[in-house]
PDB file of N, CA and C in Angstrom:
ATOM      1  N   MET A   1      -2.177  19.624 -11.242  1.00  0.00           N
ATOM      2  CA  MET A   1      -1.231  20.611 -11.711  1.00  0.00           C
ATOM      3  C   MET A   1      -1.640  21.063 -13.109  1.00  0.00           C
ATOM      4  N   ASN A   2      -1.391  22.345 -13.380  1.00  0.00           N
ATOM      5  CA  ASN A   2      -1.701  22.832 -14.721  1.00  0.00           C
ATOM      6  C   ASN A   2      -0.487  22.658 -15.642  1.00  0.00           C
ATOM      7  N   ARG A   3      -0.624  23.094 -16.872  1.00  0.00           N
ATOM      8  CA  ARG A   3       0.452  22.896 -17.856  1.00  0.00           C
ATOM      9  C   ARG A   3       1.724  23.675 -17.520  1.00  0.00           C
ATOM     10  N   LEU A   4       1.612  24.693 -16.642  1.00  0.00           N
ATOM     11  CA  LEU A   4       2.786  25.472 -16.220  1.00  0.00           C
ATOM     12  C   LEU A   4       3.439  24.901 -14.964  1.00  0.00           C
ATOM     13  N   GLY A   5       2.865  23.796 -14.463  1.00  0.00           N
ATOM     14  CA  GLY A   5       3.422  23.174 -13.262  1.00  0.00           C
ATOM     15  C   GLY A   5       2.924  23.784 -11.970  1.00  0.00           C
ATOM     16  N   ARG A   6       1.864  24.583 -12.050  1.00  0.00           N
ATOM     17  CA  ARG A   6       1.305  25.212 -10.845  1.00  0.00           C
ATOM     18  C   ARG A   6       0.145  24.377 -10.323  1.00  0.00           C
ATOM     19  N   LEU A   7       0.005  24.374  -9.006  1.00  0.00           N
ATOM     20  CA  LEU A   7      -1.060  23.594  -8.379  1.00  0.00           C
ATOM     21  C   LEU A   7      -2.415  24.253  -8.586  1.00  0.00           C
ATOM     22  N   ASN A   8      -3.397  23.460  -8.951  1.00  0.00           N
ATOM     23  CA  ASN A   8      -4.763  23.953  -9.105  1.00  0.00           C
ATOM     24  C   ASN A   8      -5.369  24.110  -7.718  1.00  0.00           C
ATOM     25  N   VAL A   9      -5.870  25.302  -7.427  1.00  0.00           N
ATOM     26  CA  VAL A   9      -6.456  25.576  -6.119  1.00  0.00           C
ATOM     27  C   VAL A   9      -7.911  26.005  -6.274  1.00  0.00           C
ATOM     28  N   ASP A  10      -8.654  25.848  -5.180  1.00  0.00           N
ATOM     29  CA  ASP A  10     -10.053  26.274  -5.186  1.00  0.00           C
ATOM     30  C   ASP A  10     -10.159  27.723  -4.713  1.00  0.00           C
ATOM     31  N   ASP A  11     -11.359  28.144  -4.394  1.00  0.00           N
ATOM     32  CA  ASP A  11     -11.595  29.535  -3.985  1.00  0.00           C
ATOM     33  C   ASP A  11     -10.973  29.894  -2.637  1.00  0.00           C
ATOM     34  N   PHE A  12     -10.464  28.893  -1.929  1.00  0.00           N
ATOM     35  CA  PHE A  12      -9.862  29.121  -0.614  1.00  0.00           C
ATOM     36  C   PHE A  12      -8.354  28.888  -0.633  1.00  0.00           C
ATOM     37  N   LEU A  13      -7.794  28.758  -1.822  1.00  0.00           N
ATOM     38  CA  LEU A  13      -6.379  28.452  -2.064  1.00  0.00           C
ATOM     39  C   LEU A  13      -6.005  27.051  -1.584  1.00  0.00           C
ATOM     40  N   GLN A  14      -7.019  26.213  -1.407  1.00  0.00           N
ATOM     41  CA  GLN A  14      -6.782  24.817  -1.052  1.00  0.00           C
ATOM     42  C   GLN A  14      -6.531  24.037  -2.334  1.00  0.00           C
ATOM     43  N   VAL A  15      -5.510  23.188  -2.307  1.00  0.00           N
ATOM     44  CA  VAL A  15      -5.202  22.379  -3.480  1.00  0.00           C
ATOM     45  C   VAL A  15      -6.412  21.499  -3.780  1.00  0.00           C
ATOM     46  N   LYS A  16      -6.860  21.540  -5.021  1.00  0.00           N
ATOM     47  CA  LYS A  16      -8.055  20.781  -5.409  1.00  0.00           C
ATOM     48  C   LYS A  16      -7.836  19.284  -5.196  1.00  0.00           C
ATOM     49  N   ASP A  17      -8.838  18.668  -4.608  1.00  0.00           N
ATOM     50  CA  ASP A  17      -8.851  17.223  -4.338  1.00  0.00           C
ATOM     51  C   ASP A  17      -7.836  16.775  -3.298  1.00  0.00           C
ATOM     52  N   VAL A  18      -7.277  17.723  -2.529  1.00  0.00           N
ATOM     53  CA  VAL A  18      -6.342  17.371  -1.460  1.00  0.00           C
ATOM     54  C   VAL A  18      -6.778  18.132  -0.206  1.00  0.00           C
ATOM     55  N   PRO A  19      -7.540  17.485   0.676  1.00  0.00           N
ATOM     56  CA  PRO A  19      -8.068  18.176   1.855  1.00  0.00           C
ATOM     57  C   PRO A  19      -6.970  18.750   2.757  1.00  0.00           C
ATOM     58  N   ASP A  20      -7.212  19.961   3.228  1.00  0.00           N
ATOM     59  CA  ASP A  20      -6.350  20.628   4.210  1.00  0.00           C
ATOM     60  C   ASP A  20      -4.928  20.896   3.732  1.00  0.00           C
ATOM     61  N   VAL A  21      -4.725  20.993   2.432  1.00  0.00           N
ATOM     62  CA  VAL A  21      -3.426  21.387   1.875  1.00  0.00           C
ATOM     63  C   VAL A  21      -3.656  22.643   1.054  1.00  0.00           C
ATOM     64  N   TYR A  22      -2.897  23.689   1.357  1.00  0.00           N
ATOM     65  CA  TYR A  22      -3.068  24.998   0.723  1.00  0.00           C
ATOM     66  C   TYR A  22      -1.806  25.356  -0.045  1.00  0.00           C
ATOM     67  N   ALA A  23      -1.972  26.079  -1.142  1.00  0.00           N
ATOM     68  CA  ALA A  23      -0.836  26.509  -1.956  1.00  0.00           C
ATOM     69  C   ALA A  23      -0.875  28.024  -2.085  1.00  0.00           C
ATOM     70  N   ILE A  24       0.242  28.656  -1.743  1.00  0.00           N
ATOM     71  CA  ILE A  24       0.321  30.113  -1.833  1.00  0.00           C
ATOM     72  C   ILE A  24       1.508  30.508  -2.712  1.00  0.00           C
ATOM     73  N   GLY A  25       1.397  31.687  -3.271  1.00  0.00           N
ATOM     74  CA  GLY A  25       2.511  32.238  -4.041  1.00  0.00           C
ATOM     75  C   GLY A  25       2.682  31.630  -5.415  1.00  0.00           C
ATOM     76  N   ASP A  26       3.935  31.476  -5.824  1.00  0.00           N
ATOM     77  CA  ASP A  26       4.271  31.044  -7.181  1.00  0.00           C
ATOM     78  C   ASP A  26       3.746  29.661  -7.534  1.00  0.00           C
ATOM     79  N   CYS A  27       3.511  28.813  -6.559  1.00  0.00           N
ATOM     80  CA  CYS A  27       3.160  27.426  -6.863  1.00  0.00           C
ATOM     81  C   CYS A  27       1.678  27.228  -7.164  1.00  0.00           C
ATOM     82  N   ASN A  28       0.830  28.250  -6.969  1.00  0.00           N
ATOM     83  CA  ASN A  28      -0.596  28.055  -7.253  1.00  0.00           C
ATOM     84  C   ASN A  28      -0.981  28.667  -8.603  1.00  0.00           C
ATOM     85  N   ASP A  29      -2.195  28.328  -9.041  1.00  0.00           N
ATOM     86  CA  ASP A  29      -2.643  28.791 -10.361  1.00  0.00           C
ATOM     87  C   ASP A  29      -3.517  30.046 -10.305  1.00  0.00           C
ATOM     88  N   VAL A  30      -3.440  30.809  -9.218  1.00  0.00           N
ATOM     89  CA  VAL A  30      -4.202  32.055  -9.107  1.00  0.00           C
ATOM     90  C   VAL A  30      -3.627  33.054 -10.122  1.00  0.00           C
ATOM     91  N   PRO A  31      -4.482  33.690 -10.906  1.00  0.00           N
ATOM     92  CA  PRO A  31      -3.989  34.600 -11.948  1.00  0.00           C
ATOM     93  C   PRO A  31      -3.559  35.961 -11.396  1.00  0.00           C
ATOM     94  N   GLU A  32      -2.491  35.943 -10.627  1.00  0.00           N
ATOM     95  CA  GLU A  32      -1.905  37.175 -10.077  1.00  0.00           C
ATOM     96  C   GLU A  32      -0.446  37.232 -10.492  1.00  0.00           C
ATOM     97  N   ILE A  33       0.119  38.407 -10.413  1.00  0.00           N
ATOM     98  CA  ILE A  33       1.552  38.552 -10.652  1.00  0.00           C
ATOM     99  C   ILE A  33       2.273  37.763  -9.564  1.00  0.00           C
ATOM    100  N   LYS A  34       3.233  36.972  -9.943  1.00  0.00           N
ATOM    101  CA  LYS A  34       3.928  36.101  -8.995  1.00  0.00           C
ATOM    102  C   LYS A  34       5.125  36.832  -8.391  1.00  0.00           C
ATOM    103  N   LEU A  35       4.855  37.522  -7.294  1.00  0.00           N
ATOM    104  CA  LEU A  35       5.882  38.246  -6.544  1.00  0.00           C
ATOM    105  C   LEU A  35       5.861  37.768  -5.102  1.00  0.00           C
ATOM    106  N   ALA A  36       6.950  37.991  -4.384  1.00  0.00           N
ATOM    107  CA  ALA A  36       7.022  37.582  -2.980  1.00  0.00           C
ATOM    108  C   ALA A  36       5.901  38.208  -2.160  1.00  0.00           C
ATOM    109  N   TYR A  37       5.553  39.437  -2.477  1.00  0.00           N
ATOM    110  CA  TYR A  37       4.500  40.095  -1.711  1.00  0.00           C
ATOM    111  C   TYR A  37       3.167  39.366  -1.866  1.00  0.00           C
ATOM    112  N   GLY A  38       2.914  38.820  -3.048  1.00  0.00           N
ATOM    113  CA  GLY A  38       1.698  38.054  -3.266  1.00  0.00           C
ATOM    114  C   GLY A  38       1.652  36.819  -2.392  1.00  0.00           C
ATOM    115  N   ALA A  39       2.782  36.146  -2.255  1.00  0.00           N
ATOM    116  CA  ALA A  39       2.850  34.966  -1.384  1.00  0.00           C
ATOM    117  C   ALA A  39       2.589  35.377   0.062  1.00  0.00           C
ATOM    118  N   GLU A  40       3.125  36.505   0.465  1.00  0.00           N
ATOM    119  CA  GLU A  40       2.910  36.988   1.836  1.00  0.00           C
ATOM    120  C   GLU A  40       1.431  37.278   2.081  1.00  0.00           C
ATOM    121  N   THR A  41       0.789  37.966   1.143  1.00  0.00           N
ATOM    122  CA  THR A  41      -0.616  38.307   1.343  1.00  0.00           C
ATOM    123  C   THR A  41      -1.501  37.065   1.272  1.00  0.00           C
ATOM    124  N   GLN A  42      -1.174  36.127   0.387  1.00  0.00           N
ATOM    125  CA  GLN A  42      -1.940  34.890   0.341  1.00  0.00           C
ATOM    126  C   GLN A  42      -1.736  34.082   1.624  1.00  0.00           C
ATOM    127  N   GLY A  43      -0.536  34.114   2.158  1.00  0.00           N
ATOM    128  CA  GLY A  43      -0.256  33.424   3.420  1.00  0.00           C
ATOM    129  C   GLY A  43      -1.082  33.986   4.567  1.00  0.00           C
ATOM    130  N   LYS A  44      -1.191  35.307   4.621  1.00  0.00           N
ATOM    131  CA  LYS A  44      -2.019  35.944   5.656  1.00  0.00           C
ATOM    132  C   LYS A  44      -3.478  35.553   5.484  1.00  0.00           C
ATOM    133  N   TYR A  45      -3.930  35.508   4.240  1.00  0.00           N
ATOM    134  CA  TYR A  45      -5.310  35.120   3.954  1.00  0.00           C
ATOM    135  C   TYR A  45      -5.568  33.685   4.430  1.00  0.00           C
ATOM    136  N   VAL A  46      -4.668  32.757   4.073  1.00  0.00           N
ATOM    137  CA  VAL A  46      -4.844  31.358   4.480  1.00  0.00           C
ATOM    138  C   VAL A  46      -4.805  31.248   6.008  1.00  0.00           C
ATOM    139  N   ALA A  47      -3.900  31.954   6.661  1.00  0.00           N
ATOM    140  CA  ALA A  47      -3.828  31.910   8.129  1.00  0.00           C
ATOM    141  C   ALA A  47      -5.134  32.387   8.758  1.00  0.00           C
ATOM    142  N   ASP A  48      -5.679  33.486   8.246  1.00  0.00           N
ATOM    143  CA  ASP A  48      -6.962  33.990   8.768  1.00  0.00           C
ATOM    144  C   ASP A  48      -8.077  32.970   8.550  1.00  0.00           C
ATOM    145  N   ASN A  49      -8.082  32.330   7.387  1.00  0.00           N
ATOM    146  CA  ASN A  49      -9.112  31.339   7.095  1.00  0.00           C
ATOM    147  C   ASN A  49      -8.966  30.095   7.968  1.00  0.00           C
ATOM    148  N   LEU A  50      -7.736  29.675   8.217  1.00  0.00           N
ATOM    149  CA  LEU A  50      -7.536  28.517   9.092  1.00  0.00           C
ATOM    150  C   LEU A  50      -8.012  28.813  10.509  1.00  0.00           C
ATOM    151  N   LYS A  51      -7.837  30.038  10.948  1.00  0.00           N
ATOM    152  CA  LYS A  51      -8.346  30.430  12.263  1.00  0.00           C
ATOM    153  C   LYS A  51      -9.878  30.336  12.275  1.00  0.00           C
ATOM    154  N   LEU A  52     -10.519  30.841  11.211  1.00  0.00           N
ATOM    155  CA  LEU A  52     -11.980  30.740  11.113  1.00  0.00           C
ATOM    156  C   LEU A  52     -12.417  29.281  11.136  1.00  0.00           C
ATOM    157  N   LYS A  53     -11.733  28.445  10.386  1.00  0.00           N
ATOM    158  CA  LYS A  53     -12.068  27.020  10.321  1.00  0.00           C
ATOM    159  C   LYS A  53     -11.928  26.373  11.696  1.00  0.00           C
ATOM    160  N   HIS A  54     -10.855  26.697  12.393  1.00  0.00           N
ATOM    161  CA  HIS A  54     -10.609  26.151  13.731  1.00  0.00           C
ATOM    162  C   HIS A  54     -11.709  26.574  14.705  1.00  0.00           C
ATOM    163  N   GLU A  55     -12.235  27.786  14.517  1.00  0.00           N
ATOM    164  CA  GLU A  55     -13.307  28.300  15.378  1.00  0.00           C
ATOM    165  C   GLU A  55     -14.683  27.798  14.948  1.00  0.00           C
ATOM    166  N   GLY A  56     -14.740  26.970  13.913  1.00  0.00           N
ATOM    167  CA  GLY A  56     -16.010  26.434  13.443  1.00  0.00           C
ATOM    168  C   GLY A  56     -16.812  27.403  12.597  1.00  0.00           C
ATOM    169  N   LYS A  57     -16.152  28.432  12.095  1.00  0.00           N
ATOM    170  CA  LYS A  57     -16.817  29.444  11.270  1.00  0.00           C
ATOM    171  C   LYS A  57     -16.528  29.173   9.795  1.00  0.00           C
ATOM    172  N   ALA A  58     -17.348  29.749   8.947  1.00  0.00           N
ATOM    173  CA  ALA A  58     -17.174  29.586   7.503  1.00  0.00           C
ATOM    174  C   ALA A  58     -15.947  30.353   7.022  1.00  0.00           C
ATOM    175  N   MET A  59     -15.164  29.698   6.169  1.00  0.00           N
ATOM    176  CA  MET A  59     -14.011  30.371   5.576  1.00  0.00           C
ATOM    177  C   MET A  59     -14.504  31.307   4.477  1.00  0.00           C
ATOM    178  N   LYS A  60     -13.696  32.312   4.183  1.00  0.00           N
ATOM    179  CA  LYS A  60     -14.042  33.304   3.160  1.00  0.00           C
ATOM    180  C   LYS A  60     -13.239  33.009   1.890  1.00  0.00           C
ATOM    181  N   PRO A  61     -13.904  33.050   0.727  1.00  0.00           N
ATOM    182  CA  PRO A  61     -13.174  32.799  -0.525  1.00  0.00           C
ATOM    183  C   PRO A  61     -12.134  33.891  -0.795  1.00  0.00           C
ATOM    184  N   TYR A  62     -11.030  33.492  -1.408  1.00  0.00           N
ATOM    185  CA  TYR A  62      -9.980  34.436  -1.766  1.00  0.00           C
ATOM    186  C   TYR A  62     -10.456  35.279  -2.939  1.00  0.00           C
ATOM    187  N   ASN A  63     -10.175  36.553  -2.864  1.00  0.00           N
ATOM    188  CA  ASN A  63     -10.556  37.490  -3.909  1.00  0.00           C
ATOM    189  C   ASN A  63      -9.313  38.286  -4.274  1.00  0.00           C
ATOM    190  N   ILE A  64      -8.960  38.280  -5.526  1.00  0.00           N
ATOM    191  CA  ILE A  64      -7.756  39.003  -5.960  1.00  0.00           C
ATOM    192  C   ILE A  64      -7.824  40.468  -5.548  1.00  0.00           C
ATOM    193  N   ASN A  65      -9.015  41.033  -5.485  1.00  0.00           N
ATOM    194  CA  ASN A  65      -9.177  42.434  -5.104  1.00  0.00           C
ATOM    195  C   ASN A  65      -9.468  42.596  -3.617  1.00  0.00           C
ATOM    196  N   SER A  66      -9.076  41.610  -2.820  1.00  0.00           N
ATOM    197  CA  SER A  66      -9.337  41.652  -1.386  1.00  0.00           C
ATOM    198  C   SER A  66      -8.355  42.572  -0.671  1.00  0.00           C
ATOM    199  N   LYS A  67      -8.570  42.720   0.630  1.00  0.00           N
ATOM    200  CA  LYS A  67      -7.657  43.534   1.440  1.00  0.00           C
ATOM    201  C   LYS A  67      -6.249  42.972   1.411  1.00  0.00           C
ATOM    202  N   TYR A  68      -6.123  41.659   1.117  1.00  0.00           N
ATOM    203  CA  TYR A  68      -4.812  41.024   1.127  1.00  0.00           C
ATOM    204  C   TYR A  68      -3.970  41.431  -0.074  1.00  0.00           C
ATOM    205  N   SER A  69      -4.615  41.625  -1.213  1.00  0.00           N
ATOM    206  CA  SER A  69      -3.842  41.977  -2.402  1.00  0.00           C
ATOM    207  C   SER A  69      -3.955  43.450  -2.775  1.00  0.00           C
ATOM    208  N   ALA A  70      -4.924  44.157  -2.234  1.00  0.00           N
ATOM    209  CA  ALA A  70      -5.124  45.565  -2.595  1.00  0.00           C
ATOM    210  C   ALA A  70      -3.907  46.410  -2.253  1.00  0.00           C
ATOM    211  N   SER A  71      -3.280  46.157  -1.112  1.00  0.00           N
ATOM    212  CA  SER A  71      -2.126  46.960  -0.734  1.00  0.00           C
ATOM    213  C   SER A  71      -0.948  46.703  -1.661  1.00  0.00           C
ATOM    214  N   MET A  72      -0.859  45.505  -2.247  1.00  0.00           N
ATOM    215  CA  MET A  72       0.212  45.223  -3.198  1.00  0.00           C
ATOM    216  C   MET A  72       0.094  46.153  -4.396  1.00  0.00           C
ATOM    217  N   TRP A  73      -1.119  46.296  -4.928  1.00  0.00           N
ATOM    218  CA  TRP A  73      -1.313  47.162  -6.091  1.00  0.00           C
ATOM    219  C   TRP A  73      -1.134  48.629  -5.716  1.00  0.00           C
ATOM    220  N   ARG A  74      -1.541  49.014  -4.527  1.00  0.00           N
ATOM    221  CA  ARG A  74      -1.373  50.391  -4.073  1.00  0.00           C
ATOM    222  C   ARG A  74       0.121  50.717  -4.005  1.00  0.00           C
ATOM    223  N   ASN A  75       0.921  49.802  -3.447  1.00  0.00           N
ATOM    224  CA  ASN A  75       2.363  50.029  -3.354  1.00  0.00           C
ATOM    225  C   ASN A  75       3.009  50.105  -4.730  1.00  0.00           C
ATOM    226  N   ARG A  76       2.565  49.275  -5.652  1.00  0.00           N
ATOM    227  CA  ARG A  76       3.121  49.300  -7.016  1.00  0.00           C
ATOM    228  C   ARG A  76       2.841  50.629  -7.688  1.00  0.00           C
ATOM    229  N   SER A  77       1.655  51.174  -7.459  1.00  0.00           N
ATOM    230  CA  SER A  77       1.308  52.422  -8.139  1.00  0.00           C
ATOM    231  C   SER A  77       2.135  53.590  -7.607  1.00  0.00           C
ATOM    232  N   ARG A  78       2.656  53.459  -6.389  1.00  0.00           N
ATOM    233  CA  ARG A  78       3.498  54.516  -5.823  1.00  0.00           C
ATOM    234  C   ARG A  78       4.950  54.338  -6.249  1.00  0.00           C
ATOM    235  N   GLY A  79       5.251  53.184  -6.851  1.00  0.00           N
ATOM    236  CA  GLY A  79       6.630  52.946  -7.267  1.00  0.00           C
ATOM    237  C   GLY A  79       7.490  52.377  -6.168  1.00  0.00           C
ATOM    238  N   ASP A  80       6.852  51.819  -5.117  1.00  0.00           N
ATOM    239  CA  ASP A  80       7.618  51.240  -4.018  1.00  0.00           C
ATOM    240  C   ASP A  80       8.285  49.922  -4.377  1.00  0.00           C
ATOM    241  N   GLU A  81       7.777  49.265  -5.402  1.00  0.00           N
ATOM    242  CA  GLU A  81       8.323  47.970  -5.761  1.00  0.00           C
ATOM    243  C   GLU A  81       9.609  48.125  -6.540  1.00  0.00           C
ATOM    244  N   LYS A  82      10.547  47.290  -6.255  1.00  0.00           N
ATOM    245  CA  LYS A  82      11.837  47.354  -6.951  1.00  0.00           C
ATOM    246  C   LYS A  82      12.004  46.178  -7.850  1.00  0.00           C
TER     247      LYS A  82
END
């Protein structure tokens, strides 16, 4: 845990030093705005990665500018966020 009480995660949002445990949204230390939409997009990312892992394929690292978070910023720029 960091000094703010958030879980330290790796590039796959997996809690560091804890196999097969993932942290999404407000509880992780990813430097993103902590909104519900961020948790939703991170959840979709983790679900897609778990499917890849189950299929024996390589997981993809989380990228703040990925398809999962890009729509959040697009919606904010239109003023859709309340």
